[in-house]
Amino acid sequence: MCGRFFRHGVTWEEYHAALNLIEPDNVDPPEPSYNIAPMSFAPIIRPREHRQPGFELVPMQWSLVPSWWKKPLSEKKFSTFNARCETINESKSYQGSFRHHRCLIPMSGYYEWSGPKGSKIPFAIGLRNRRWFCCAGLWSRAMIDGSELDTFTLITTTPNDVTAGIHTRMPVIIHPENYEHWMTAHYMDVFDLMRPFPAIDMHAWPVHPDVGNVRNQGERLIRET
């Protein structure tokens, strides 16, 4: 499970260099955010719609609402902020998005809590020498109360040696050379991308207990000690 992540500031030039991203006119890039939780809005990267060439960065709500869901969101009782890579092609909630609406989720790292109940320690987990990277995601568009709602989920896989001692799952991290392939290839050709990221390229460190408190958001809480 990945229930919180963070993102440092990323410039339009960096997004463009990574994905030839279409930069919107007169719009600042998303601000840094250090406590992104399910049901909050975060930017994701997807192919432009209506078969336009290129990719775009758009805000979406974290916790996927399947396109077939027509009831009020208050009646949705199942969790969809993470999707297990082993079952997304069979899942009613994720199958359509996996086949047609794959996306990337830019982040600088994510949080996991480890330890005995009542005294769990939060850890930040990121990539070595990389200020930001992209994880595999799915997005969906549902019609809720007469309005379109775009939402996304984060795909998880089994942990590597760095994360196994902290949690039983980790996000699927995509190598930059596979960004476009993940989003545009036939779904049968992307299964090999959903594997644990090499442990040698990752690190984890304990962070301030307040990282999970929405009233305390800032880079100072995740600095390595």
C-alpha atoms as a PDB file:
ATOM      1  CA  MET A   1       0.000   0.000   0.000  1.00  0.00           C
ATOM      2  CA  CYS A   2       1.089   3.561  -0.656  1.00  0.00           C
ATOM      3  CA  GLY A   3      -1.140   6.007   1.180  1.00  0.00           C
ATOM      4  CA  ARG A   4       0.948   9.203   1.116  1.00  0.00           C
ATOM      5  CA  PHE A   5       3.531  10.682  -1.223  1.00  0.00           C
ATOM      6  CA  PHE A   6       5.390  13.943  -1.728  1.00  0.00           C
ATOM      7  CA  ARG A   7       6.700  15.981  -4.627  1.00  0.00           C
ATOM      8  CA  HIS A   8       9.387  18.657  -4.709  1.00  0.00           C
ATOM      9  CA  GLY A   9       9.089  21.545  -7.129  1.00  0.00           C
ATOM     10  CA  VAL A  10       9.472  20.460 -10.776  1.00  0.00           C
ATOM     11  CA  THR A  11       9.825  23.006 -13.577  1.00  0.00           C
ATOM     12  CA  TRP A  12       8.101  22.882 -16.945  1.00  0.00           C
ATOM     13  CA  GLU A  13      11.558  22.517 -18.481  1.00  0.00           C
ATOM     14  CA  GLU A  14      12.134  19.337 -16.470  1.00  0.00           C
ATOM     15  CA  TYR A  15       8.758  17.896 -17.459  1.00  0.00           C
ATOM     16  CA  HIS A  16       9.437  18.755 -21.091  1.00  0.00           C
ATOM     17  CA  ALA A  17      12.900  17.168 -21.012  1.00  0.00           C
ATOM     18  CA  ALA A  18      11.503  13.940 -19.569  1.00  0.00           C
ATOM     19  CA  LEU A  19       8.438  13.581 -21.777  1.00  0.00           C
ATOM     20  CA  ASN A  20       8.322  16.371 -24.341  1.00  0.00           C
ATOM     21  CA  LEU A  21       5.365  17.562 -22.290  1.00  0.00           C
ATOM     22  CA  ILE A  22       3.090  20.246 -23.725  1.00  0.00           C
ATOM     23  CA  GLU A  23       3.532  23.327 -21.517  1.00  0.00           C
ATOM     24  CA  PRO A  24       0.268  25.253 -20.956  1.00  0.00           C
ATOM     25  CA  ASP A  25       0.322  28.978 -21.631  1.00  0.00           C
ATOM     26  CA  ASN A  26       0.596  31.332 -18.671  1.00  0.00           C
ATOM     27  CA  VAL A  27       0.294  28.521 -16.098  1.00  0.00           C
ATOM     28  CA  ASP A  28       2.827  27.934 -13.338  1.00  0.00           C
ATOM     29  CA  PRO A  29       3.964  24.354 -12.698  1.00  0.00           C
ATOM     30  CA  PRO A  30       2.390  22.593  -9.700  1.00  0.00           C
ATOM     31  CA  GLU A  31       3.718  23.748  -6.357  1.00  0.00           C
ATOM     32  CA  PRO A  32       5.686  21.363  -4.119  1.00  0.00           C
ATOM     33  CA  SER A  33       3.529  19.243  -1.848  1.00  0.00           C
ATOM     34  CA  TYR A  34       4.723  17.095   1.045  1.00  0.00           C
ATOM     35  CA  ASN A  35       1.570  15.365   2.246  1.00  0.00           C
ATOM     36  CA  ILE A  36      -0.449  14.097  -0.714  1.00  0.00           C
ATOM     37  CA  ALA A  37      -3.148  11.771   0.596  1.00  0.00           C
ATOM     38  CA  PRO A  38      -6.034   9.815  -0.961  1.00  0.00           C
ATOM     39  CA  MET A  39      -8.977  12.015  -2.036  1.00  0.00           C
ATOM     40  CA  SER A  40      -6.689  15.023  -2.528  1.00  0.00           C
ATOM     41  CA  PHE A  41      -5.868  16.382  -5.988  1.00  0.00           C
ATOM     42  CA  ALA A  42      -2.453  15.844  -7.551  1.00  0.00           C
ATOM     43  CA  PRO A  43      -1.032  16.281 -11.067  1.00  0.00           C
ATOM     44  CA  ILE A  44      -0.734  13.238 -13.302  1.00  0.00           C
ATOM     45  CA  ILE A  45       0.715  12.853 -16.796  1.00  0.00           C
ATOM     46  CA  ARG A  46      -1.332  11.262 -19.562  1.00  0.00           C
ATOM     47  CA  PRO A  47      -1.520  11.244 -23.374  1.00  0.00           C
ATOM     48  CA  ARG A  48      -3.449  14.220 -24.706  1.00  0.00           C
ATOM     49  CA  GLU A  49      -7.062  13.409 -25.461  1.00  0.00           C
ATOM     50  CA  HIS A  50      -8.833  13.172 -28.813  1.00  0.00           C
ATOM     51  CA  ARG A  51      -5.720  11.623 -30.388  1.00  0.00           C
ATOM     52  CA  GLN A  52      -3.763  14.833 -30.179  1.00  0.00           C
ATOM     53  CA  PRO A  53      -0.005  14.213 -30.161  1.00  0.00           C
ATOM     54  CA  GLY A  54       2.028  14.596 -26.999  1.00  0.00           C
ATOM     55  CA  PHE A  55       1.381  14.410 -23.275  1.00  0.00           C
ATOM     56  CA  GLU A  56      -0.197  16.732 -20.735  1.00  0.00           C
ATOM     57  CA  LEU A  57      -0.074  17.346 -16.998  1.00  0.00           C
ATOM     58  CA  VAL A  58      -3.531  17.544 -15.432  1.00  0.00           C
ATOM     59  CA  PRO A  59      -4.854  17.549 -11.833  1.00  0.00           C
ATOM     60  CA  MET A  60      -6.929  14.585 -10.723  1.00  0.00           C
ATOM     61  CA  GLN A  61      -8.376  13.267  -7.495  1.00  0.00           C
ATOM     62  CA  TRP A  62      -6.489  10.367  -5.936  1.00  0.00           C
ATOM     63  CA  SER A  63      -8.789   7.312  -5.540  1.00  0.00           C
ATOM     64  CA  LEU A  64     -10.061   5.977  -8.818  1.00  0.00           C
ATOM     65  CA  VAL A  65     -13.788   6.044  -9.538  1.00  0.00           C
ATOM     66  CA  PRO A  66     -14.524   3.512 -12.302  1.00  0.00           C
ATOM     67  CA  SER A  67     -16.274   4.891 -15.372  1.00  0.00           C
ATOM     68  CA  TRP A  68     -19.247   2.609 -14.716  1.00  0.00           C
ATOM     69  CA  TRP A  69     -19.873   4.058 -11.239  1.00  0.00           C
ATOM     70  CA  LYS A  70     -23.044   6.201 -11.335  1.00  0.00           C
ATOM     71  CA  LYS A  71     -23.993   6.508  -7.662  1.00  0.00           C
ATOM     72  CA  PRO A  72     -22.976   9.343  -5.299  1.00  0.00           C
ATOM     73  CA  LEU A  73     -19.395   9.052  -4.096  1.00  0.00           C
ATOM     74  CA  SER A  74     -20.651   8.729  -0.515  1.00  0.00           C
ATOM     75  CA  GLU A  75     -21.960   5.269  -1.454  1.00  0.00           C
ATOM     76  CA  LYS A  76     -18.601   4.040  -2.771  1.00  0.00           C
ATOM     77  CA  LYS A  77     -17.271   1.870   0.064  1.00  0.00           C
ATOM     78  CA  PHE A  78     -14.383   0.077  -1.663  1.00  0.00           C
ATOM     79  CA  SER A  79     -10.832   1.418  -1.657  1.00  0.00           C
ATOM     80  CA  THR A  80      -9.226   2.341  -4.990  1.00  0.00           C
ATOM     81  CA  PHE A  81      -6.220   4.535  -4.219  1.00  0.00           C
ATOM     82  CA  ASN A  82      -3.877   1.588  -4.874  1.00  0.00           C
ATOM     83  CA  ALA A  83      -4.218  -1.107  -7.549  1.00  0.00           C
ATOM     84  CA  ARG A  84      -2.318  -4.381  -7.272  1.00  0.00           C
ATOM     85  CA  CYS A  85      -0.416  -5.072 -10.494  1.00  0.00           C
ATOM     86  CA  GLU A  86      -1.154  -8.800 -10.251  1.00  0.00           C
ATOM     87  CA  THR A  87      -4.926  -8.339 -10.647  1.00  0.00           C
ATOM     88  CA  ILE A  88      -5.578  -5.098 -12.558  1.00  0.00           C
ATOM     89  CA  ASN A  89      -6.302  -6.879 -15.828  1.00  0.00           C
ATOM     90  CA  GLU A  90      -9.068  -8.919 -14.202  1.00  0.00           C
ATOM     91  CA  SER A  91     -10.428  -6.342 -11.764  1.00  0.00           C
ATOM     92  CA  LYS A  92     -13.782  -4.790 -12.623  1.00  0.00           C
ATOM     93  CA  SER A  93     -12.595  -1.518 -11.111  1.00  0.00           C
ATOM     94  CA  TYR A  94      -9.312  -1.293 -13.042  1.00  0.00           C
ATOM     95  CA  GLN A  95      -9.512  -3.421 -16.176  1.00  0.00           C
ATOM     96  CA  GLY A  96     -10.818  -0.709 -18.498  1.00  0.00           C
ATOM     97  CA  SER A  97      -8.345   1.897 -17.278  1.00  0.00           C
ATOM     98  CA  PHE A  98      -5.437  -0.535 -17.492  1.00  0.00           C
ATOM     99  CA  ARG A  99      -6.243  -1.255 -21.122  1.00  0.00           C
ATOM    100  CA  HIS A 100      -6.993   2.298 -22.243  1.00  0.00           C
ATOM    101  CA  HIS A 101      -6.086   4.932 -19.619  1.00  0.00           C
ATOM    102  CA  ARG A 102      -2.597   4.386 -18.220  1.00  0.00           C
ATOM    103  CA  CYS A 103      -0.805   7.418 -16.796  1.00  0.00           C
ATOM    104  CA  LEU A 104       2.254   8.528 -14.842  1.00  0.00           C
ATOM    105  CA  ILE A 105       2.268  10.024 -11.356  1.00  0.00           C
ATOM    106  CA  PRO A 106       5.199  12.393 -10.744  1.00  0.00           C
ATOM    107  CA  MET A 107       6.568  12.287  -7.220  1.00  0.00           C
ATOM    108  CA  SER A 108       9.775  12.706  -5.270  1.00  0.00           C
ATOM    109  CA  GLY A 109       9.077   9.891  -2.827  1.00  0.00           C
ATOM    110  CA  TYR A 110       6.443   8.239  -0.701  1.00  0.00           C
ATOM    111  CA  TYR A 111       5.842   7.440   2.956  1.00  0.00           C
ATOM    112  CA  GLU A 112       5.317   4.183   4.797  1.00  0.00           C
ATOM    113  CA  TRP A 113       4.889   3.586   8.538  1.00  0.00           C
ATOM    114  CA  SER A 114       6.616   0.640  10.171  1.00  0.00           C
ATOM    115  CA  GLY A 115       6.806  -0.810  13.671  1.00  0.00           C
ATOM    116  CA  PRO A 116       4.450  -1.963  16.428  1.00  0.00           C
ATOM    117  CA  LYS A 117       0.988  -0.475  16.681  1.00  0.00           C
ATOM    118  CA  GLY A 118       1.018   2.736  18.689  1.00  0.00           C
ATOM    119  CA  SER A 119       4.669   3.521  17.996  1.00  0.00           C
ATOM    120  CA  LYS A 120       5.035   3.262  14.234  1.00  0.00           C
ATOM    121  CA  ILE A 121       7.901   5.177  12.639  1.00  0.00           C
ATOM    122  CA  PRO A 122       7.326   7.010   9.322  1.00  0.00           C
ATOM    123  CA  PHE A 123       9.858   6.465   6.560  1.00  0.00           C
ATOM    124  CA  ALA A 124      10.363   8.432   3.368  1.00  0.00           C
ATOM    125  CA  ILE A 125      11.341   6.311   0.386  1.00  0.00           C
ATOM    126  CA  GLY A 126      12.816   7.714  -2.809  1.00  0.00           C
ATOM    127  CA  LEU A 127      15.434   7.280  -5.502  1.00  0.00           C
ATOM    128  CA  ARG A 128      19.110   7.996  -5.069  1.00  0.00           C
ATOM    129  CA  ASN A 129      20.306  11.132  -6.860  1.00  0.00           C
ATOM    130  CA  ARG A 130      16.879  11.767  -8.376  1.00  0.00           C
ATOM    131  CA  ARG A 131      14.799  14.733  -7.203  1.00  0.00           C
ATOM    132  CA  TRP A 132      11.671  13.395  -8.913  1.00  0.00           C
ATOM    133  CA  PHE A 133      10.503  10.365 -10.860  1.00  0.00           C
ATOM    134  CA  CYS A 134       7.269   8.834 -12.147  1.00  0.00           C
ATOM    135  CA  CYS A 135       5.182   5.910 -10.913  1.00  0.00           C
ATOM    136  CA  ALA A 136       2.703   3.872 -12.895  1.00  0.00           C
ATOM    137  CA  GLY A 137      -0.932   4.818 -12.558  1.00  0.00           C
ATOM    138  CA  LEU A 138      -4.365   4.469 -14.099  1.00  0.00           C
ATOM    139  CA  TRP A 139      -6.962   7.163 -14.583  1.00  0.00           C
ATOM    140  CA  SER A 140     -10.692   7.153 -15.144  1.00  0.00           C
ATOM    141  CA  ARG A 141     -13.530   9.547 -15.940  1.00  0.00           C
ATOM    142  CA  ALA A 142     -16.888   9.045 -14.278  1.00  0.00           C
ATOM    143  CA  MET A 143     -20.094  11.040 -14.439  1.00  0.00           C
ATOM    144  CA  ILE A 144     -21.042  11.892 -10.854  1.00  0.00           C
ATOM    145  CA  ASP A 145     -24.159  13.962 -10.153  1.00  0.00           C
ATOM    146  CA  GLY A 146     -24.148  15.298 -13.691  1.00  0.00           C
ATOM    147  CA  SER A 147     -20.475  16.350 -13.682  1.00  0.00           C
ATOM    148  CA  GLU A 148     -17.351  14.692 -15.022  1.00  0.00           C
ATOM    149  CA  LEU A 149     -14.840  13.577 -12.387  1.00  0.00           C
ATOM    150  CA  ASP A 150     -11.316  12.514 -13.340  1.00  0.00           C
ATOM    151  CA  THR A 151      -9.562  10.293 -10.809  1.00  0.00           C
ATOM    152  CA  PHE A 152      -6.434   8.126 -10.628  1.00  0.00           C
ATOM    153  CA  THR A 153      -4.920   5.204  -8.772  1.00  0.00           C
ATOM    154  CA  LEU A 154      -1.328   4.222  -8.043  1.00  0.00           C
ATOM    155  CA  ILE A 155      -0.193   0.741  -9.071  1.00  0.00           C
ATOM    156  CA  THR A 156       1.742  -1.331  -6.530  1.00  0.00           C
ATOM    157  CA  THR A 157       3.957  -4.399  -6.754  1.00  0.00           C
ATOM    158  CA  THR A 158       5.992  -6.610  -4.426  1.00  0.00           C
ATOM    159  CA  PRO A 159       8.760  -4.848  -2.457  1.00  0.00           C
ATOM    160  CA  ASN A 160      12.467  -4.863  -3.181  1.00  0.00           C
ATOM    161  CA  ASP A 161      15.196  -5.385  -0.575  1.00  0.00           C
ATOM    162  CA  VAL A 162      15.108  -1.736   0.535  1.00  0.00           C
ATOM    163  CA  THR A 163      11.365  -1.590   1.150  1.00  0.00           C
ATOM    164  CA  ALA A 164      10.585  -5.164   2.219  1.00  0.00           C
ATOM    165  CA  GLY A 165      11.424  -4.482   5.849  1.00  0.00           C
ATOM    166  CA  ILE A 166       9.060  -1.517   5.900  1.00  0.00           C
ATOM    167  CA  HIS A 167       6.016  -2.681   3.944  1.00  0.00           C
ATOM    168  CA  THR A 168       4.750  -5.614   1.867  1.00  0.00           C
ATOM    169  CA  ARG A 169       4.005  -3.465  -1.207  1.00  0.00           C
ATOM    170  CA  MET A 170       5.709  -0.637  -3.113  1.00  0.00           C
ATOM    171  CA  PRO A 171       4.663   1.606  -6.016  1.00  0.00           C
ATOM    172  CA  VAL A 172       5.562   0.565  -9.534  1.00  0.00           C
ATOM    173  CA  ILE A 173       8.325   3.028 -10.508  1.00  0.00           C
ATOM    174  CA  ILE A 174       8.827   3.454 -14.242  1.00  0.00           C
ATOM    175  CA  HIS A 175      12.267   4.001 -15.761  1.00  0.00           C
ATOM    176  CA  PRO A 176      12.395   7.256 -17.776  1.00  0.00           C
ATOM    177  CA  GLU A 177      13.133   5.420 -21.013  1.00  0.00           C
ATOM    178  CA  ASN A 178       9.822   3.568 -20.576  1.00  0.00           C
ATOM    179  CA  TYR A 179       7.578   6.542 -19.781  1.00  0.00           C
ATOM    180  CA  GLU A 180       6.038   6.769 -23.238  1.00  0.00           C
ATOM    181  CA  HIS A 181       5.843   3.003 -23.671  1.00  0.00           C
ATOM    182  CA  TRP A 182       3.894   2.638 -20.408  1.00  0.00           C
ATOM    183  CA  MET A 183       1.234   5.096 -21.525  1.00  0.00           C
ATOM    184  CA  THR A 184       0.878   4.269 -25.213  1.00  0.00           C
ATOM    185  CA  ALA A 185       1.771   0.614 -25.822  1.00  0.00           C
ATOM    186  CA  HIS A 186      -0.796  -2.159 -26.039  1.00  0.00           C
ATOM    187  CA  TYR A 187      -1.656  -3.327 -22.538  1.00  0.00           C
ATOM    188  CA  MET A 188      -0.304  -6.807 -23.210  1.00  0.00           C
ATOM    189  CA  ASP A 189       3.119  -5.245 -23.775  1.00  0.00           C
ATOM    190  CA  VAL A 190       3.499  -3.459 -20.420  1.00  0.00           C
ATOM    191  CA  PHE A 191       3.329  -6.293 -17.906  1.00  0.00           C
ATOM    192  CA  ASP A 192       7.125  -6.516 -17.727  1.00  0.00           C
ATOM    193  CA  LEU A 193       7.269  -2.882 -16.524  1.00  0.00           C
ATOM    194  CA  MET A 194       5.326  -3.666 -13.355  1.00  0.00           C
ATOM    195  CA  ARG A 195       8.198  -5.106 -11.364  1.00  0.00           C
ATOM    196  CA  PRO A 196      10.045  -3.882  -8.254  1.00  0.00           C
ATOM    197  CA  PHE A 197      12.477  -1.052  -8.950  1.00  0.00           C
ATOM    198  CA  PRO A 198      16.144  -2.027  -8.403  1.00  0.00           C
ATOM    199  CA  ALA A 199      16.987  -1.751  -4.705  1.00  0.00           C
ATOM    200  CA  ILE A 200      20.436  -0.354  -5.434  1.00  0.00           C
ATOM    201  CA  ASP A 201      18.824   2.801  -6.840  1.00  0.00           C
ATOM    202  CA  MET A 202      16.524   3.413  -3.844  1.00  0.00           C
ATOM    203  CA  HIS A 203      16.900   4.489  -0.242  1.00  0.00           C
ATOM    204  CA  ALA A 204      14.675   4.930   2.799  1.00  0.00           C
ATOM    205  CA  TRP A 205      15.118   7.105   5.865  1.00  0.00           C
ATOM    206  CA  PRO A 206      13.106   7.876   9.021  1.00  0.00           C
ATOM    207  CA  VAL A 207      11.324  11.226   8.993  1.00  0.00           C
ATOM    208  CA  HIS A 208       9.502  13.516  11.412  1.00  0.00           C
ATOM    209  CA  PRO A 209       6.299  12.004  12.888  1.00  0.00           C
ATOM    210  CA  ASP A 210       4.300  15.019  11.698  1.00  0.00           C
ATOM    211  CA  VAL A 211       4.647  14.145   8.004  1.00  0.00           C
ATOM    212  CA  GLY A 212       1.199  12.565   8.190  1.00  0.00           C
ATOM    213  CA  ASN A 213      -0.395  15.640   9.723  1.00  0.00           C
ATOM    214  CA  VAL A 214      -2.117  17.809   7.110  1.00  0.00           C
ATOM    215  CA  ARG A 215      -1.369  20.894   9.217  1.00  0.00           C
ATOM    216  CA  ASN A 216       2.357  20.323   8.886  1.00  0.00           C
ATOM    217  CA  GLN A 217       3.508  20.287   5.289  1.00  0.00           C
ATOM    218  CA  GLY A 218       7.058  21.153   4.367  1.00  0.00           C
ATOM    219  CA  GLU A 219      10.363  19.859   3.111  1.00  0.00           C
ATOM    220  CA  ARG A 220      11.933  20.263   6.553  1.00  0.00           C
ATOM    221  CA  LEU A 221       9.921  17.286   7.864  1.00  0.00           C
ATOM    222  CA  ILE A 222      11.505  14.832   5.445  1.00  0.00           C
ATOM    223  CA  ARG A 223      15.129  15.874   5.610  1.00  0.00           C
ATOM    224  CA  GLU A 224      17.498  13.026   6.295  1.00  0.00           C
ATOM    225  CA  THR A 225      19.106  13.084   9.732  1.00  0.00           C
END
